[in-house]
PDB file of all heavy atoms in Angstrom:
ATOM      1  N   ASP A   1      11.850   6.791 -12.411  1.00  0.00           N
ATOM      2  CA  ASP A   1      10.801   7.677 -11.767  1.00  0.00           C
ATOM      3  C   ASP A   1       9.557   7.678 -12.655  1.00  0.00           C
ATOM      4  O   ASP A   1       8.387   7.674 -12.206  1.00  0.00           O
ATOM      5  CB  ASP A   1      11.255   9.121 -11.605  1.00  0.00           C
ATOM      6  CG  ASP A   1      12.391   9.190 -10.549  1.00  0.00           C
ATOM      7  OD1 ASP A   1      12.434   8.288  -9.670  1.00  0.00           O
ATOM      8  OD2 ASP A   1      13.108  10.154 -10.484  1.00  0.00           O
ATOM      9  N   GLU A   2       9.776   7.807 -13.966  1.00  0.00           N
ATOM     10  CA  GLU A   2       8.615   7.800 -14.904  1.00  0.00           C
ATOM     11  C   GLU A   2       7.867   6.459 -14.876  1.00  0.00           C
ATOM     12  O   GLU A   2       6.610   6.440 -14.892  1.00  0.00           O
ATOM     13  CB  GLU A   2       9.104   8.087 -16.355  1.00  0.00           C
ATOM     14  CG  GLU A   2       9.628   9.504 -16.560  1.00  0.00           C
ATOM     15  CD  GLU A   2      10.102   9.728 -18.008  1.00  0.00           C
ATOM     16  OE1 GLU A   2      10.029   8.725 -18.743  1.00  0.00           O
ATOM     17  OE2 GLU A   2      10.553  10.830 -18.271  1.00  0.00           O
ATOM     18  N   MET A   3       8.548   5.323 -14.754  1.00  0.00           N
ATOM     19  CA  MET A   3       7.894   4.077 -14.639  1.00  0.00           C
ATOM     20  C   MET A   3       7.093   3.973 -13.361  1.00  0.00           C
ATOM     21  O   MET A   3       5.921   3.484 -13.395  1.00  0.00           O
ATOM     22  CB  MET A   3       8.944   2.982 -14.735  1.00  0.00           C
ATOM     23  CG  MET A   3       9.664   2.804 -16.013  1.00  0.00           C
ATOM     24  SD  MET A   3      10.850   1.471 -16.106  1.00  0.00           S
ATOM     25  CE  MET A   3       9.764  -0.011 -15.792  1.00  0.00           C
ATOM     26  N   ARG A   4       7.660   4.420 -12.297  1.00  0.00           N
ATOM     27  CA  ARG A   4       6.917   4.371 -11.011  1.00  0.00           C
ATOM     28  C   ARG A   4       5.663   5.279 -11.136  1.00  0.00           C
ATOM     29  O   ARG A   4       4.609   4.926 -10.576  1.00  0.00           O
ATOM     30  CB  ARG A   4       7.880   4.824  -9.827  1.00  0.00           C
ATOM     31  CG  ARG A   4       8.831   3.813  -9.430  1.00  0.00           C
ATOM     32  CD  ARG A   4       9.408   4.204  -8.055  1.00  0.00           C
ATOM     33  NE  ARG A   4      10.197   5.382  -8.106  1.00  0.00           N
ATOM     34  CZ  ARG A   4      11.486   5.476  -8.364  1.00  0.00           C
ATOM     35  NH1 ARG A   4      12.191   4.339  -8.495  1.00  0.00           N
ATOM     36  NH2 ARG A   4      12.150   6.634  -8.363  1.00  0.00           N
ATOM     37  N   GLU A   5       5.855   6.455 -11.744  1.00  0.00           N
ATOM     38  CA  GLU A   5       4.709   7.388 -11.811  1.00  0.00           C
ATOM     39  C   GLU A   5       3.633   6.713 -12.646  1.00  0.00           C
ATOM     40  O   GLU A   5       2.411   6.878 -12.401  1.00  0.00           O
ATOM     41  CB  GLU A   5       5.174   8.693 -12.479  1.00  0.00           C
ATOM     42  CG  GLU A   5       4.084   9.774 -12.520  1.00  0.00           C
ATOM     43  CD  GLU A   5       3.584  10.170 -11.129  1.00  0.00           C
ATOM     44  OE1 GLU A   5       4.384  10.080 -10.201  1.00  0.00           O
ATOM     45  OE2 GLU A   5       2.407  10.525 -11.012  1.00  0.00           O
ATOM     46  N   GLY A   6       4.027   5.976 -13.683  1.00  0.00           N
ATOM     47  CA  GLY A   6       3.065   5.250 -14.517  1.00  0.00           C
ATOM     48  C   GLY A   6       2.246   4.257 -13.732  1.00  0.00           C
ATOM     49  O   GLY A   6       1.027   3.994 -13.912  1.00  0.00           O
ATOM     50  N   VAL A   7       2.962   3.501 -12.862  1.00  0.00           N
ATOM     51  CA  VAL A   7       2.367   2.521 -12.031  1.00  0.00           C
ATOM     52  C   VAL A   7       1.367   3.140 -11.017  1.00  0.00           C
ATOM     53  O   VAL A   7       0.239   2.629 -10.896  1.00  0.00           O
ATOM     54  CB  VAL A   7       3.398   1.703 -11.232  1.00  0.00           C
ATOM     55  CG1 VAL A   7       2.738   0.692 -10.211  1.00  0.00           C
ATOM     56  CG2 VAL A   7       4.286   0.880 -12.179  1.00  0.00           C
ATOM     57  N   LEU A   8       1.780   4.297 -10.433  1.00  0.00           N
ATOM     58  CA  LEU A   8       0.915   5.001  -9.507  1.00  0.00           C
ATOM     59  C   LEU A   8      -0.395   5.472 -10.206  1.00  0.00           C
ATOM     60  O   LEU A   8      -1.439   5.367  -9.605  1.00  0.00           O
ATOM     61  CB  LEU A   8       1.701   6.188  -8.869  1.00  0.00           C
ATOM     62  CG  LEU A   8       2.870   5.831  -7.949  1.00  0.00           C
ATOM     63  CD1 LEU A   8       3.547   7.128  -7.514  1.00  0.00           C
ATOM     64  CD2 LEU A   8       2.403   5.003  -6.815  1.00  0.00           C
ATOM     65  N   GLN A   9      -0.217   5.975 -11.354  1.00  0.00           N
ATOM     66  CA  GLN A   9      -1.391   6.464 -12.089  1.00  0.00           C
ATOM     67  C   GLN A   9      -2.318   5.366 -12.437  1.00  0.00           C
ATOM     68  O   GLN A   9      -3.557   5.482 -12.370  1.00  0.00           O
ATOM     69  CB  GLN A   9      -0.976   7.199 -13.357  1.00  0.00           C
ATOM     70  CG  GLN A   9      -0.246   8.553 -13.058  1.00  0.00           C
ATOM     71  CD  GLN A   9       0.190   9.234 -14.295  1.00  0.00           C
ATOM     72  OE1 GLN A   9      -0.085   8.784 -15.455  1.00  0.00           O
ATOM     73  NE2 GLN A   9       0.757  10.463 -14.199  1.00  0.00           N
ATOM     74  N   GLY A  10      -1.741   4.187 -12.764  1.00  0.00           N
ATOM     75  CA  GLY A  10      -2.550   3.038 -13.160  1.00  0.00           C
ATOM     76  C   GLY A  10      -3.371   2.527 -11.922  1.00  0.00           C
ATOM     77  O   GLY A  10      -4.523   2.197 -12.096  1.00  0.00           O
ATOM     78  N   ARG A  11      -2.727   2.550 -10.753  1.00  0.00           N
ATOM     79  CA  ARG A  11      -3.426   2.117  -9.555  1.00  0.00           C
ATOM     80  C   ARG A  11      -4.488   3.107  -9.151  1.00  0.00           C
ATOM     81  O   ARG A  11      -5.501   2.743  -8.611  1.00  0.00           O
ATOM     82  CB  ARG A  11      -2.456   1.897  -8.402  1.00  0.00           C
ATOM     83  CG  ARG A  11      -1.363   0.844  -8.701  1.00  0.00           C
ATOM     84  CD  ARG A  11      -2.027  -0.499  -9.227  1.00  0.00           C
ATOM     85  NE  ARG A  11      -2.559  -1.223  -8.116  1.00  0.00           N
ATOM     86  CZ  ARG A  11      -3.290  -2.359  -8.252  1.00  0.00           C
ATOM     87  NH1 ARG A  11      -3.575  -2.773  -9.472  1.00  0.00           N
ATOM     88  NH2 ARG A  11      -3.702  -2.995  -7.212  1.00  0.00           N
ATOM     89  N   GLU A  12      -4.208   4.374  -9.427  1.00  0.00           N
ATOM     90  CA  GLU A  12      -5.188   5.412  -9.078  1.00  0.00           C
ATOM     91  C   GLU A  12      -6.457   5.181  -9.975  1.00  0.00           C
ATOM     92  O   GLU A  12      -7.614   5.397  -9.448  1.00  0.00           O
ATOM     93  CB  GLU A  12      -4.614   6.808  -9.305  1.00  0.00           C
ATOM     94  CG  GLU A  12      -5.551   7.949  -8.814  1.00  0.00           C
ATOM     95  CD  GLU A  12      -4.878   9.260  -8.759  1.00  0.00           C
ATOM     96  OE1 GLU A  12      -3.751   9.317  -8.265  1.00  0.00           O
ATOM     97  OE2 GLU A  12      -5.475  10.246  -9.232  1.00  0.00           O
ATOM     98  N   GLU A  13      -6.250   4.875 -11.201  1.00  0.00           N
ATOM     99  CA  GLU A  13      -7.395   4.649 -12.109  1.00  0.00           C
ATOM    100  C   GLU A  13      -8.187   3.442 -11.580  1.00  0.00           C
ATOM    101  O   GLU A  13      -9.429   3.431 -11.710  1.00  0.00           O
ATOM    102  CB  GLU A  13      -6.903   4.400 -13.530  1.00  0.00           C
ATOM    103  CG  GLU A  13      -6.347   5.602 -14.209  1.00  0.00           C
ATOM    104  CD  GLU A  13      -7.388   6.739 -14.288  1.00  0.00           C
ATOM    105  OE1 GLU A  13      -8.544   6.433 -14.688  1.00  0.00           O
ATOM    106  OE2 GLU A  13      -7.047   7.871 -14.026  1.00  0.00           O
ATOM    107  N   TRP A  14      -7.470   2.451 -11.046  1.00  0.00           N
ATOM    108  CA  TRP A  14      -8.179   1.274 -10.451  1.00  0.00           C
ATOM    109  C   TRP A  14      -8.989   1.684  -9.286  1.00  0.00           C
ATOM    110  O   TRP A  14     -10.128   1.199  -9.121  1.00  0.00           O
ATOM    111  CB  TRP A  14      -7.163   0.194 -10.092  1.00  0.00           C
ATOM    112  CG  TRP A  14      -7.766  -0.959  -9.392  1.00  0.00           C
ATOM    113  CD1 TRP A  14      -8.634  -1.892  -9.858  1.00  0.00           C
ATOM    114  CD2 TRP A  14      -7.561  -1.319  -7.987  1.00  0.00           C
ATOM    115  NE1 TRP A  14      -8.945  -2.726  -8.918  1.00  0.00           N
ATOM    116  CE2 TRP A  14      -8.359  -2.466  -7.792  1.00  0.00           C
ATOM    117  CE3 TRP A  14      -6.754  -0.766  -7.021  1.00  0.00           C
ATOM    118  CZ2 TRP A  14      -8.279  -3.028  -6.516  1.00  0.00           C
ATOM    119  CZ3 TRP A  14      -6.746  -1.400  -5.788  1.00  0.00           C
ATOM    120  CH2 TRP A  14      -7.564  -2.540  -5.503  1.00  0.00           C
ATOM    121  N   LEU A  15      -8.502   2.595  -8.504  1.00  0.00           N
ATOM    122  CA  LEU A  15      -9.277   3.005  -7.262  1.00  0.00           C
ATOM    123  C   LEU A  15     -10.518   3.682  -7.693  1.00  0.00           C
ATOM    124  O   LEU A  15     -11.555   3.575  -6.995  1.00  0.00           O
ATOM    125  CB  LEU A  15      -8.385   3.955  -6.436  1.00  0.00           C
ATOM    126  CG  LEU A  15      -7.216   3.412  -5.682  1.00  0.00           C
ATOM    127  CD1 LEU A  15      -6.583   4.539  -4.849  1.00  0.00           C
ATOM    128  CD2 LEU A  15      -7.617   2.244  -4.793  1.00  0.00           C
ATOM    129  N   LYS A  16     -10.462   4.382  -8.826  1.00  0.00           N
ATOM    130  CA  LYS A  16     -11.670   5.079  -9.331  1.00  0.00           C
ATOM    131  C   LYS A  16     -12.739   4.082  -9.651  1.00  0.00           C
ATOM    132  O   LYS A  16     -13.946   4.411  -9.462  1.00  0.00           O
ATOM    133  CB  LYS A  16     -11.336   5.951 -10.555  1.00  0.00           C
ATOM    134  CG  LYS A  16     -10.464   7.184 -10.200  1.00  0.00           C
ATOM    135  CD  LYS A  16     -10.162   7.954 -11.478  1.00  0.00           C
ATOM    136  CE  LYS A  16      -9.260   9.153 -11.161  1.00  0.00           C
ATOM    137  NZ  LYS A  16      -8.874   9.920 -12.370  1.00  0.00           N
ATOM    138  N   THR A  17     -12.335   2.942 -10.180  1.00  0.00           N
ATOM    139  CA  THR A  17     -13.346   1.900 -10.504  1.00  0.00           C
ATOM    140  C   THR A  17     -14.026   1.334  -9.246  1.00  0.00           C
ATOM    141  O   THR A  17     -15.156   0.960  -9.344  1.00  0.00           O
ATOM    142  CB  THR A  17     -12.698   0.760 -11.269  1.00  0.00           C
ATOM    143  OG1 THR A  17     -11.792   0.038 -10.445  1.00  0.00           O
ATOM    144  CG2 THR A  17     -12.016   1.259 -12.515  1.00  0.00           C
ATOM    145  N   LEU A  18     -13.392   1.398  -8.111  1.00  0.00           N
ATOM    146  CA  LEU A  18     -13.966   0.933  -6.855  1.00  0.00           C
ATOM    147  C   LEU A  18     -15.077   1.893  -6.431  1.00  0.00           C
ATOM    148  O   LEU A  18     -15.936   1.415  -5.667  1.00  0.00           O
ATOM    149  CB  LEU A  18     -12.866   0.780  -5.806  1.00  0.00           C
ATOM    150  CG  LEU A  18     -11.740  -0.194  -6.038  1.00  0.00           C
ATOM    151  CD1 LEU A  18     -10.771  -0.166  -4.817  1.00  0.00           C
ATOM    152  CD2 LEU A  18     -12.275  -1.577  -6.196  1.00  0.00           C
ATOM    153  N   LEU A  19     -15.001   3.108  -6.872  1.00  0.00           N
ATOM    154  CA  LEU A  19     -16.001   4.091  -6.420  1.00  0.00           C
ATOM    155  C   LEU A  19     -17.175   4.187  -7.372  1.00  0.00           C
ATOM    156  O   LEU A  19     -18.129   4.905  -7.015  1.00  0.00           O
ATOM    157  CB  LEU A  19     -15.297   5.452  -6.294  1.00  0.00           C
ATOM    158  CG  LEU A  19     -14.265   5.605  -5.185  1.00  0.00           C
ATOM    159  CD1 LEU A  19     -13.627   6.966  -5.290  1.00  0.00           C
ATOM    160  CD2 LEU A  19     -14.858   5.376  -3.847  1.00  0.00           C
ATOM    161  N   GLU A  20     -17.119   3.463  -8.456  1.00  0.00           N
ATOM    162  CA  GLU A  20     -18.248   3.583  -9.463  1.00  0.00           C
ATOM    163  C   GLU A  20     -19.553   3.200  -8.815  1.00  0.00           C
ATOM    164  O   GLU A  20     -20.620   3.883  -9.139  1.00  0.00           O
ATOM    165  CB  GLU A  20     -17.955   2.687 -10.679  1.00  0.00           C
ATOM    166  CG  GLU A  20     -16.766   3.230 -11.542  1.00  0.00           C
ATOM    167  CD  GLU A  20     -16.403   2.306 -12.600  1.00  0.00           C
ATOM    168  OE1 GLU A  20     -17.012   1.203 -12.703  1.00  0.00           O
ATOM    169  OE2 GLU A  20     -15.550   2.676 -13.430  1.00  0.00           O
ATOM    170  N   PRO A  21     -19.673   2.231  -7.926  1.00  0.00           N
ATOM    171  CA  PRO A  21     -21.003   1.881  -7.404  1.00  0.00           C
ATOM    172  C   PRO A  21     -21.566   2.974  -6.522  1.00  0.00           C
ATOM    173  O   PRO A  21     -22.713   2.962  -6.161  1.00  0.00           O
ATOM    174  CB  PRO A  21     -20.761   0.569  -6.601  1.00  0.00           C
ATOM    175  CG  PRO A  21     -19.524   0.003  -7.204  1.00  0.00           C
ATOM    176  CD  PRO A  21     -18.706   1.185  -7.595  1.00  0.00           C
ATOM    177  N   TYR A  22     -20.715   3.937  -6.118  1.00  0.00           N
ATOM    178  CA  TYR A  22     -21.081   4.966  -5.200  1.00  0.00           C
ATOM    179  C   TYR A  22     -21.181   6.339  -5.834  1.00  0.00           C
ATOM    180  O   TYR A  22     -21.029   7.370  -5.203  1.00  0.00           O
ATOM    181  CB  TYR A  22     -20.153   5.003  -3.929  1.00  0.00           C
ATOM    182  CG  TYR A  22     -19.925   3.597  -3.331  1.00  0.00           C
ATOM    183  CD1 TYR A  22     -18.732   2.958  -3.618  1.00  0.00           C
ATOM    184  CD2 TYR A  22     -20.840   3.083  -2.563  1.00  0.00           C
ATOM    185  CE1 TYR A  22     -18.512   1.706  -3.042  1.00  0.00           C
ATOM    186  CE2 TYR A  22     -20.658   1.799  -1.981  1.00  0.00           C
ATOM    187  CZ  TYR A  22     -19.438   1.097  -2.316  1.00  0.00           C
ATOM    188  OH  TYR A  22     -19.227  -0.080  -1.738  1.00  0.00           O
ATOM    189  N   ALA A  23     -21.448   6.324  -7.137  1.00  0.00           N
ATOM    190  CA  ALA A  23     -21.328   7.557  -7.898  1.00  0.00           C
ATOM    191  C   ALA A  23     -22.319   8.595  -7.396  1.00  0.00           C
ATOM    192  O   ALA A  23     -22.106   9.808  -7.486  1.00  0.00           O
ATOM    193  CB  ALA A  23     -21.580   7.281  -9.380  1.00  0.00           C
ATOM    194  N   GLY A  24     -23.468   8.204  -6.907  1.00  0.00           N
ATOM    195  CA  GLY A  24     -24.467   9.128  -6.467  1.00  0.00           C
ATOM    196  C   GLY A  24     -24.388   9.542  -4.964  1.00  0.00           C
ATOM    197  O   GLY A  24     -25.241  10.247  -4.478  1.00  0.00           O
ATOM    198  N   SER A  25     -23.352   9.061  -4.340  1.00  0.00           N
ATOM    199  CA  SER A  25     -23.198   9.356  -2.936  1.00  0.00           C
ATOM    200  C   SER A  25     -22.887  10.808  -2.594  1.00  0.00           C
ATOM    201  O   SER A  25     -22.159  11.474  -3.462  1.00  0.00           O
ATOM    202  CB  SER A  25     -22.149   8.428  -2.333  1.00  0.00           C
ATOM    203  OG  SER A  25     -21.848   8.788  -0.966  1.00  0.00           O
ATOM    204  N   LYS A  26     -23.312  11.334  -1.469  1.00  0.00           N
ATOM    205  CA  LYS A  26     -22.988  12.615  -1.024  1.00  0.00           C
ATOM    206  C   LYS A  26     -21.628  12.708  -0.351  1.00  0.00           C
ATOM    207  O   LYS A  26     -21.169  13.792   0.024  1.00  0.00           O
ATOM    208  CB  LYS A  26     -24.074  13.207  -0.120  1.00  0.00           C
ATOM    209  CG  LYS A  26     -25.408  13.322  -0.796  1.00  0.00           C
ATOM    210  CD  LYS A  26     -26.472  13.906   0.152  1.00  0.00           C
ATOM    211  CE  LYS A  26     -27.770  14.020  -0.576  1.00  0.00           C
ATOM    212  NZ  LYS A  26     -28.834  14.597   0.366  1.00  0.00           N
ATOM    213  N   ILE A  27     -21.012  11.549  -0.090  1.00  0.00           N
ATOM    214  CA  ILE A  27     -19.753  11.527   0.567  1.00  0.00           C
ATOM    215  C   ILE A  27     -18.632  12.089  -0.380  1.00  0.00           C
ATOM    216  O   ILE A  27     -18.634  11.742  -1.591  1.00  0.00           O
ATOM    217  CB  ILE A  27     -19.384  10.059   1.023  1.00  0.00           C
ATOM    218  CG1 ILE A  27     -20.479   9.585   1.968  1.00  0.00           C
ATOM    219  CG2 ILE A  27     -18.022  10.043   1.665  1.00  0.00           C
ATOM    220  CD1 ILE A  27     -20.346   8.070   2.289  1.00  0.00           C
TER     221      ILE A  27
END
């Protein structure tokens, strides 16, 4: 469970990088 949670957190951090170009968006 801890390993899976670590993988999930890692992918969530990757998703955050996808949003970096839209940092100033009102969405």
